[in-house]
N, C-alpha and C. Protein backbone atom coordinates (compact mmCIF):
# COMPACT_ATOMS: atom_id res chain seq x y z
N MET A 1 55.05 63.40 -40.14
CA MET A 1 54.41 62.44 -39.26
C MET A 1 52.91 62.77 -39.20
N THR A 2 52.09 61.74 -39.28
CA THR A 2 50.65 61.95 -39.21
C THR A 2 50.10 61.35 -37.92
N LEU A 3 48.98 61.89 -37.48
CA LEU A 3 48.31 61.40 -36.29
C LEU A 3 48.03 59.91 -36.45
N SER A 4 48.34 59.14 -35.42
CA SER A 4 48.20 57.69 -35.47
C SER A 4 47.46 57.20 -34.23
N LEU A 5 46.50 56.28 -34.42
CA LEU A 5 45.68 55.74 -33.33
C LEU A 5 45.84 54.23 -33.28
N SER A 6 46.04 53.68 -32.08
CA SER A 6 46.17 52.23 -31.92
C SER A 6 45.56 51.80 -30.59
N SER A 7 45.48 50.49 -30.42
CA SER A 7 44.97 49.92 -29.17
C SER A 7 45.80 48.70 -28.80
N PRO A 8 46.15 48.56 -27.51
CA PRO A 8 46.81 47.32 -27.10
C PRO A 8 45.83 46.15 -27.06
N ALA A 9 44.52 46.41 -27.17
CA ALA A 9 43.50 45.36 -27.09
C ALA A 9 43.31 44.60 -28.40
N PHE A 10 43.53 45.28 -29.54
CA PHE A 10 43.35 44.63 -30.84
C PHE A 10 44.15 45.36 -31.91
N LYS A 11 44.56 44.61 -32.91
CA LYS A 11 45.30 45.16 -34.04
C LYS A 11 44.32 45.74 -35.07
N PRO A 12 44.77 46.65 -35.92
CA PRO A 12 43.89 47.20 -36.96
C PRO A 12 43.28 46.09 -37.82
N GLY A 13 41.98 46.12 -37.98
CA GLY A 13 41.27 45.15 -38.79
C GLY A 13 40.98 43.83 -38.10
N ALA A 14 41.47 43.65 -36.88
CA ALA A 14 41.27 42.39 -36.15
C ALA A 14 40.01 42.44 -35.29
N ALA A 15 39.67 41.30 -34.73
CA ALA A 15 38.48 41.20 -33.88
C ALA A 15 38.68 41.96 -32.57
N ILE A 16 37.65 42.66 -32.15
CA ILE A 16 37.63 43.34 -30.86
C ILE A 16 37.35 42.28 -29.79
N PRO A 17 38.16 42.22 -28.73
CA PRO A 17 37.94 41.21 -27.70
C PRO A 17 36.55 41.32 -27.06
N ARG A 18 35.99 40.17 -26.73
CA ARG A 18 34.64 40.07 -26.17
C ARG A 18 34.41 40.99 -24.97
N LYS A 19 35.43 41.18 -24.13
CA LYS A 19 35.24 42.02 -22.93
C LYS A 19 34.87 43.46 -23.29
N HIS A 20 35.15 43.88 -24.53
CA HIS A 20 34.85 45.24 -24.97
C HIS A 20 33.53 45.30 -25.74
N THR A 21 32.71 44.25 -25.61
CA THR A 21 31.45 44.18 -26.35
C THR A 21 30.26 44.06 -25.40
N GLY A 22 29.07 44.18 -25.98
CA GLY A 22 27.84 44.02 -25.21
C GLY A 22 27.64 42.60 -24.72
N GLU A 23 28.38 41.65 -25.28
CA GLU A 23 28.31 40.26 -24.81
C GLU A 23 29.29 40.00 -23.67
N GLY A 24 30.17 40.94 -23.43
CA GLY A 24 31.16 40.80 -22.37
C GLY A 24 30.93 41.85 -21.29
N ALA A 25 32.02 42.38 -20.76
CA ALA A 25 31.94 43.39 -19.69
C ALA A 25 31.53 44.76 -20.22
N ASP A 26 31.56 44.94 -21.54
CA ASP A 26 31.16 46.20 -22.18
C ASP A 26 32.00 47.38 -21.70
N VAL A 27 33.30 47.15 -21.57
CA VAL A 27 34.22 48.22 -21.18
C VAL A 27 34.96 48.73 -22.41
N SER A 28 35.22 50.00 -22.43
CA SER A 28 35.94 50.59 -23.57
C SER A 28 37.37 50.05 -23.62
N PRO A 29 37.89 49.88 -24.83
CA PRO A 29 39.29 49.42 -24.95
C PRO A 29 40.26 50.57 -24.67
N ALA A 30 41.44 50.22 -24.24
CA ALA A 30 42.50 51.23 -24.12
C ALA A 30 42.87 51.70 -25.52
N LEU A 31 43.14 52.98 -25.66
CA LEU A 31 43.54 53.56 -26.94
C LEU A 31 44.76 54.45 -26.71
N GLU A 32 45.62 54.52 -27.72
CA GLU A 32 46.82 55.36 -27.64
C GLU A 32 47.00 56.08 -28.95
N TRP A 33 47.56 57.30 -28.91
CA TRP A 33 47.83 58.00 -30.15
C TRP A 33 49.12 58.80 -30.06
N THR A 34 49.67 59.05 -31.24
CA THR A 34 50.94 59.77 -31.36
C THR A 34 50.83 60.78 -32.50
N ASN A 35 51.79 61.69 -32.53
CA ASN A 35 51.96 62.65 -33.61
C ASN A 35 50.82 63.66 -33.74
N ALA A 36 50.36 64.18 -32.62
CA ALA A 36 49.37 65.25 -32.68
C ALA A 36 50.00 66.48 -33.33
N PRO A 37 49.29 67.13 -34.22
CA PRO A 37 49.87 68.29 -34.90
C PRO A 37 49.99 69.51 -33.97
N ALA A 38 50.90 70.40 -34.33
CA ALA A 38 51.02 71.67 -33.61
C ALA A 38 49.69 72.40 -33.69
N GLY A 39 49.32 73.07 -32.63
CA GLY A 39 48.07 73.82 -32.62
C GLY A 39 46.88 73.03 -32.11
N THR A 40 47.10 71.77 -31.76
CA THR A 40 46.00 70.96 -31.23
C THR A 40 45.56 71.52 -29.88
N ALA A 41 44.27 71.86 -29.78
CA ALA A 41 43.71 72.39 -28.54
C ALA A 41 42.92 71.32 -27.78
N ALA A 42 42.47 70.29 -28.50
CA ALA A 42 41.66 69.23 -27.89
C ALA A 42 41.56 68.06 -28.87
N PHE A 43 41.04 66.95 -28.34
CA PHE A 43 40.77 65.78 -29.17
C PHE A 43 39.30 65.39 -29.05
N VAL A 44 38.80 64.78 -30.12
CA VAL A 44 37.45 64.23 -30.17
C VAL A 44 37.60 62.79 -30.61
N LEU A 45 36.85 61.89 -29.98
CA LEU A 45 36.86 60.48 -30.36
C LEU A 45 35.42 60.03 -30.61
N ILE A 46 35.21 59.41 -31.75
CA ILE A 46 33.89 58.87 -32.10
C ILE A 46 34.08 57.43 -32.57
N CYS A 47 33.23 56.54 -32.07
CA CYS A 47 33.24 55.15 -32.52
C CYS A 47 31.87 54.82 -33.07
N ASP A 48 31.85 54.28 -34.29
CA ASP A 48 30.57 53.88 -34.87
C ASP A 48 30.69 52.65 -35.74
N ASP A 49 29.54 52.08 -36.08
CA ASP A 49 29.41 50.85 -36.86
C ASP A 49 28.60 51.16 -38.11
N PRO A 50 29.25 51.26 -39.28
CA PRO A 50 28.51 51.56 -40.51
C PRO A 50 27.75 50.37 -41.06
N ASP A 51 27.93 49.19 -40.47
CA ASP A 51 27.30 47.97 -40.97
C ASP A 51 25.99 47.62 -40.25
N ALA A 52 25.55 48.47 -39.34
CA ALA A 52 24.32 48.19 -38.59
C ALA A 52 23.12 48.16 -39.54
N PRO A 53 22.14 47.29 -39.25
CA PRO A 53 20.98 47.16 -40.14
C PRO A 53 20.19 48.46 -40.34
N VAL A 54 20.22 49.35 -39.34
CA VAL A 54 19.46 50.60 -39.43
C VAL A 54 20.30 51.76 -39.97
N GLY A 55 21.51 51.48 -40.42
CA GLY A 55 22.44 52.54 -40.83
C GLY A 55 23.51 52.69 -39.77
N THR A 56 24.39 53.64 -39.93
CA THR A 56 25.51 53.81 -38.99
C THR A 56 25.01 53.96 -37.57
N TRP A 57 25.57 53.14 -36.69
CA TRP A 57 25.18 53.11 -35.27
C TRP A 57 26.33 53.67 -34.45
N VAL A 58 26.06 54.69 -33.66
CA VAL A 58 27.09 55.37 -32.86
C VAL A 58 27.26 54.65 -31.53
N HIS A 59 28.51 54.27 -31.23
CA HIS A 59 28.82 53.55 -30.00
C HIS A 59 29.49 54.41 -28.93
N TRP A 60 30.12 55.52 -29.35
CA TRP A 60 30.85 56.32 -28.36
C TRP A 60 31.09 57.71 -28.92
N VAL A 61 30.86 58.72 -28.10
CA VAL A 61 31.14 60.11 -28.44
C VAL A 61 31.86 60.71 -27.24
N LEU A 62 33.12 61.07 -27.43
CA LEU A 62 33.97 61.63 -26.36
C LEU A 62 34.64 62.87 -26.93
N TYR A 63 34.54 63.99 -26.24
CA TYR A 63 35.06 65.23 -26.81
C TYR A 63 35.65 66.16 -25.75
N ASP A 64 36.38 67.15 -26.25
CA ASP A 64 37.09 68.11 -25.41
C ASP A 64 38.14 67.44 -24.51
N LEU A 65 38.75 66.38 -25.04
CA LEU A 65 39.89 65.77 -24.34
C LEU A 65 41.05 66.76 -24.38
N ALA A 66 41.74 66.91 -23.28
CA ALA A 66 42.86 67.86 -23.18
C ALA A 66 43.90 67.59 -24.26
N ALA A 67 44.50 68.65 -24.76
CA ALA A 67 45.48 68.57 -25.84
C ALA A 67 46.68 67.69 -25.50
N GLY A 68 47.03 67.57 -24.21
CA GLY A 68 48.17 66.75 -23.81
C GLY A 68 47.85 65.28 -23.67
N THR A 69 46.61 64.89 -23.83
CA THR A 69 46.20 63.50 -23.69
C THR A 69 46.77 62.67 -24.84
N ARG A 70 47.32 61.51 -24.52
CA ARG A 70 47.86 60.62 -25.55
C ARG A 70 47.39 59.18 -25.35
N ARG A 71 46.55 58.97 -24.33
CA ARG A 71 46.11 57.61 -24.02
C ARG A 71 44.79 57.64 -23.26
N LEU A 72 43.95 56.68 -23.56
CA LEU A 72 42.76 56.42 -22.75
C LEU A 72 42.94 55.04 -22.14
N GLU A 73 42.83 54.94 -20.85
CA GLU A 73 42.91 53.64 -20.20
C GLU A 73 41.65 52.85 -20.52
N GLU A 74 41.74 51.55 -20.40
CA GLU A 74 40.57 50.69 -20.57
C GLU A 74 39.49 51.08 -19.55
N ASN A 75 38.22 50.95 -19.95
CA ASN A 75 37.07 51.16 -19.08
C ASN A 75 36.92 52.62 -18.63
N VAL A 76 36.86 53.53 -19.61
CA VAL A 76 36.56 54.92 -19.29
C VAL A 76 35.18 54.94 -18.63
N PRO A 77 35.03 55.60 -17.48
CA PRO A 77 33.74 55.62 -16.78
C PRO A 77 32.61 56.13 -17.70
N LYS A 78 31.43 55.59 -17.51
CA LYS A 78 30.26 55.97 -18.33
C LYS A 78 29.54 57.12 -17.64
N SER A 79 30.25 58.24 -17.55
CA SER A 79 29.71 59.44 -16.91
C SER A 79 29.89 60.63 -17.86
N GLU A 80 29.14 61.69 -17.60
CA GLU A 80 29.18 62.85 -18.50
C GLU A 80 30.55 63.50 -18.55
N ALA A 81 31.19 63.68 -17.39
CA ALA A 81 32.52 64.31 -17.33
C ALA A 81 33.55 63.24 -16.98
N VAL A 82 34.63 63.22 -17.74
CA VAL A 82 35.70 62.25 -17.51
C VAL A 82 37.05 62.91 -17.79
N LEU A 83 38.08 62.35 -17.22
CA LEU A 83 39.44 62.77 -17.54
C LEU A 83 39.62 64.29 -17.48
N GLY A 84 39.24 64.87 -16.39
CA GLY A 84 39.35 66.32 -16.25
C GLY A 84 38.16 67.01 -16.87
N ALA A 85 38.39 67.75 -17.94
CA ALA A 85 37.32 68.55 -18.57
C ALA A 85 36.68 67.86 -19.77
N ALA A 86 37.07 66.63 -20.08
CA ALA A 86 36.48 65.93 -21.23
C ALA A 86 35.02 65.59 -20.93
N LYS A 87 34.24 65.52 -22.01
CA LYS A 87 32.81 65.22 -21.88
C LYS A 87 32.45 64.03 -22.76
N GLN A 88 31.41 63.33 -22.34
CA GLN A 88 30.92 62.23 -23.16
C GLN A 88 29.52 62.56 -23.65
N GLY A 89 29.28 62.12 -24.87
CA GLY A 89 27.98 62.35 -25.48
C GLY A 89 27.11 61.11 -25.39
N ARG A 90 25.95 61.25 -25.99
CA ARG A 90 24.95 60.17 -26.01
C ARG A 90 25.18 59.30 -27.23
N ASN A 91 25.25 57.98 -27.00
CA ASN A 91 25.41 57.05 -28.11
C ASN A 91 24.02 56.63 -28.62
N ASP A 92 23.99 55.77 -29.61
CA ASP A 92 22.69 55.36 -30.17
C ASP A 92 21.95 54.34 -29.32
N PHE A 93 22.57 53.92 -28.21
CA PHE A 93 21.84 53.13 -27.21
C PHE A 93 21.09 54.07 -26.26
N ARG A 94 21.22 55.38 -26.52
CA ARG A 94 20.63 56.45 -25.71
C ARG A 94 21.25 56.52 -24.31
N ARG A 95 22.55 56.19 -24.25
CA ARG A 95 23.27 56.24 -22.99
C ARG A 95 24.53 57.08 -23.15
N ILE A 96 25.04 57.54 -22.03
CA ILE A 96 26.29 58.30 -22.00
C ILE A 96 27.45 57.31 -21.95
N GLY A 97 28.50 57.60 -22.71
CA GLY A 97 29.71 56.80 -22.66
C GLY A 97 29.74 55.70 -23.70
N TYR A 98 30.66 54.79 -23.50
CA TYR A 98 30.92 53.70 -24.45
C TYR A 98 29.84 52.63 -24.36
N GLY A 99 29.39 52.20 -25.51
CA GLY A 99 28.50 51.05 -25.64
C GLY A 99 29.13 50.12 -26.66
N GLY A 100 29.56 48.97 -26.23
CA GLY A 100 30.33 48.07 -27.09
C GLY A 100 29.53 47.39 -28.18
N PRO A 101 30.24 46.75 -29.11
CA PRO A 101 29.61 46.04 -30.21
C PRO A 101 28.60 45.00 -29.73
N MET A 102 27.49 44.92 -30.44
CA MET A 102 26.45 43.93 -30.16
C MET A 102 25.63 43.74 -31.43
N PRO A 103 26.31 43.36 -32.53
CA PRO A 103 25.60 43.24 -33.79
C PRO A 103 24.65 42.04 -33.79
N PRO A 104 23.69 42.03 -34.70
CA PRO A 104 22.86 40.84 -34.82
C PRO A 104 23.73 39.67 -35.28
N PRO A 105 23.32 38.43 -34.97
CA PRO A 105 24.10 37.28 -35.43
C PRO A 105 24.26 37.32 -36.96
N GLY A 106 25.40 36.86 -37.42
CA GLY A 106 25.66 36.85 -38.86
C GLY A 106 27.06 37.30 -39.16
N ARG A 107 27.17 38.07 -40.20
CA ARG A 107 28.49 38.51 -40.66
C ARG A 107 29.11 39.51 -39.69
N PRO A 108 30.45 39.61 -39.71
CA PRO A 108 31.12 40.57 -38.83
C PRO A 108 30.75 42.01 -39.19
N HIS A 109 30.73 42.85 -38.19
CA HIS A 109 30.55 44.29 -38.39
C HIS A 109 31.89 44.97 -38.15
N ARG A 110 32.05 46.13 -38.79
CA ARG A 110 33.26 46.94 -38.61
C ARG A 110 32.96 48.06 -37.62
N TYR A 111 33.90 48.32 -36.73
CA TYR A 111 33.77 49.38 -35.74
C TYR A 111 34.93 50.34 -35.93
N PHE A 112 34.60 51.57 -36.28
CA PHE A 112 35.61 52.59 -36.56
C PHE A 112 35.76 53.52 -35.37
N PHE A 113 36.97 53.56 -34.82
CA PHE A 113 37.32 54.53 -33.79
C PHE A 113 38.03 55.65 -34.54
N ARG A 114 37.46 56.84 -34.53
CA ARG A 114 38.06 57.98 -35.23
C ARG A 114 38.44 59.05 -34.21
N LEU A 115 39.71 59.43 -34.29
CA LEU A 115 40.25 60.45 -33.41
C LEU A 115 40.50 61.71 -34.22
N TYR A 116 40.03 62.83 -33.73
CA TYR A 116 40.22 64.11 -34.40
C TYR A 116 41.05 65.02 -33.49
N ALA A 117 42.10 65.60 -34.03
CA ALA A 117 42.85 66.66 -33.35
C ALA A 117 42.23 67.96 -33.84
N VAL A 118 41.77 68.79 -32.91
CA VAL A 118 41.06 70.01 -33.30
C VAL A 118 41.72 71.26 -32.71
N SER A 119 41.48 72.37 -33.37
CA SER A 119 42.13 73.63 -32.98
C SER A 119 41.40 74.37 -31.87
N ALA A 120 40.20 73.90 -31.48
CA ALA A 120 39.44 74.54 -30.41
C ALA A 120 38.49 73.53 -29.80
N GLN A 121 38.16 73.73 -28.55
CA GLN A 121 37.19 72.85 -27.90
C GLN A 121 35.81 73.06 -28.53
N THR A 122 34.93 72.10 -28.30
CA THR A 122 33.61 72.17 -28.94
C THR A 122 32.69 73.23 -28.33
N GLY A 123 32.83 73.47 -27.03
CA GLY A 123 31.92 74.38 -26.35
C GLY A 123 30.58 73.75 -26.04
N LEU A 124 30.45 72.46 -26.30
CA LEU A 124 29.18 71.76 -26.08
C LEU A 124 29.08 71.22 -24.66
N PRO A 125 27.87 71.14 -24.13
CA PRO A 125 27.69 70.48 -22.83
C PRO A 125 27.78 68.97 -23.00
N ALA A 126 27.90 68.26 -21.91
CA ALA A 126 27.90 66.79 -21.96
C ALA A 126 26.57 66.32 -22.53
N GLY A 127 26.60 65.14 -23.16
CA GLY A 127 25.38 64.57 -23.70
C GLY A 127 25.12 64.89 -25.16
N ALA A 128 26.06 65.55 -25.83
CA ALA A 128 25.88 65.91 -27.24
C ALA A 128 25.91 64.65 -28.11
N THR A 129 25.32 64.75 -29.27
CA THR A 129 25.32 63.64 -30.23
C THR A 129 26.53 63.72 -31.15
N LYS A 130 26.77 62.66 -31.87
CA LYS A 130 27.84 62.65 -32.87
C LYS A 130 27.65 63.79 -33.86
N THR A 131 26.44 63.97 -34.34
CA THR A 131 26.15 65.03 -35.32
C THR A 131 26.47 66.40 -34.75
N GLU A 132 26.08 66.64 -33.51
CA GLU A 132 26.34 67.94 -32.88
C GLU A 132 27.84 68.18 -32.72
N VAL A 133 28.57 67.15 -32.31
CA VAL A 133 30.01 67.28 -32.12
C VAL A 133 30.71 67.52 -33.46
N LEU A 134 30.34 66.75 -34.48
CA LEU A 134 30.97 66.95 -35.79
C LEU A 134 30.68 68.35 -36.33
N ARG A 135 29.50 68.85 -36.10
CA ARG A 135 29.16 70.21 -36.53
C ARG A 135 30.02 71.22 -35.78
N ALA A 136 30.24 71.00 -34.48
CA ALA A 136 31.02 71.93 -33.65
C ALA A 136 32.50 71.98 -34.06
N ILE A 137 33.02 70.88 -34.61
CA ILE A 137 34.45 70.87 -34.98
C ILE A 137 34.67 71.13 -36.47
N GLU A 138 33.60 71.34 -37.19
CA GLU A 138 33.73 71.64 -38.61
C GLU A 138 34.65 72.84 -38.82
N GLY A 139 35.62 72.69 -39.70
CA GLY A 139 36.58 73.75 -39.97
C GLY A 139 37.69 73.87 -38.94
N LYS A 140 37.67 73.01 -37.91
CA LYS A 140 38.68 73.07 -36.84
C LYS A 140 39.54 71.80 -36.77
N ILE A 141 39.30 70.86 -37.68
CA ILE A 141 40.03 69.58 -37.65
C ILE A 141 41.42 69.78 -38.25
N LEU A 142 42.44 69.51 -37.42
CA LEU A 142 43.83 69.63 -37.86
C LEU A 142 44.35 68.30 -38.40
N ALA A 143 43.87 67.21 -37.84
CA ALA A 143 44.30 65.87 -38.27
C ALA A 143 43.27 64.86 -37.79
N GLN A 144 43.27 63.70 -38.45
CA GLN A 144 42.34 62.63 -38.11
C GLN A 144 43.07 61.30 -38.21
N ALA A 145 42.78 60.40 -37.28
CA ALA A 145 43.33 59.05 -37.31
C ALA A 145 42.19 58.06 -37.11
N GLU A 146 42.39 56.85 -37.60
CA GLU A 146 41.31 55.87 -37.55
C GLU A 146 41.86 54.50 -37.18
N LEU A 147 41.10 53.78 -36.39
CA LEU A 147 41.41 52.40 -36.03
C LEU A 147 40.12 51.61 -36.21
N MET A 148 40.19 50.54 -37.01
CA MET A 148 39.00 49.73 -37.25
C MET A 148 39.20 48.34 -36.67
N GLY A 149 38.18 47.89 -35.92
CA GLY A 149 38.15 46.53 -35.41
C GLY A 149 36.84 45.89 -35.84
N THR A 150 36.76 44.58 -35.74
CA THR A 150 35.55 43.88 -36.15
C THR A 150 34.97 43.09 -34.98
N TYR A 151 33.70 42.73 -35.12
CA TYR A 151 33.08 41.85 -34.15
C TYR A 151 31.93 41.11 -34.81
N LYS A 152 31.81 39.83 -34.48
CA LYS A 152 30.76 38.98 -35.02
C LYS A 152 30.17 38.15 -33.90
N ARG A 153 28.83 38.05 -33.93
CA ARG A 153 28.16 37.17 -32.97
C ARG A 153 27.72 35.91 -33.67
C-alpha cells in the first residue's frame, strides 16, 4: 500500500472549486490521506503551481503535522501554529497559510498538493519557505503522495 492523498472538494485532475481560490472565499480544501508508512514521525504538505508566468508559485507550506493526522478540515486557519504543533510557512503571496489559485486569465493552471511522510520533524520555526522545508526533510522522506487540481480564470 502506498501513501494516498485525496480531497472531498475535487477529484484528481478536476477543477478546484471557486471557494478555494482567490476569486472565492480563499479557504483551503479539505484533504485526506491513507497508508502512511511505518516510522512516520510527521507530515509535510506543499501546494504549488508550476504553470505560473514567473515560474513555480508556492500557495501553501504546512509542516510538522502530527504523525497520527489523516485529515485536514476545510479552511485551515491562516496562522503560524495550527492543529497542535503543526506550523505554516510563508507562501509566495508573502503570507502565512493557504493562498488559493488566482492565475492570470487564460489557460488553466495545475495546482499540485504534495504530501510527504517524514521520519523526523523539520525543527524549523513557523514562517519557513518551501525551499527551507524541503531542505529540512531531505533524506527523511518515507513516502510521498500527490493530488493535482486545476483552475482557470
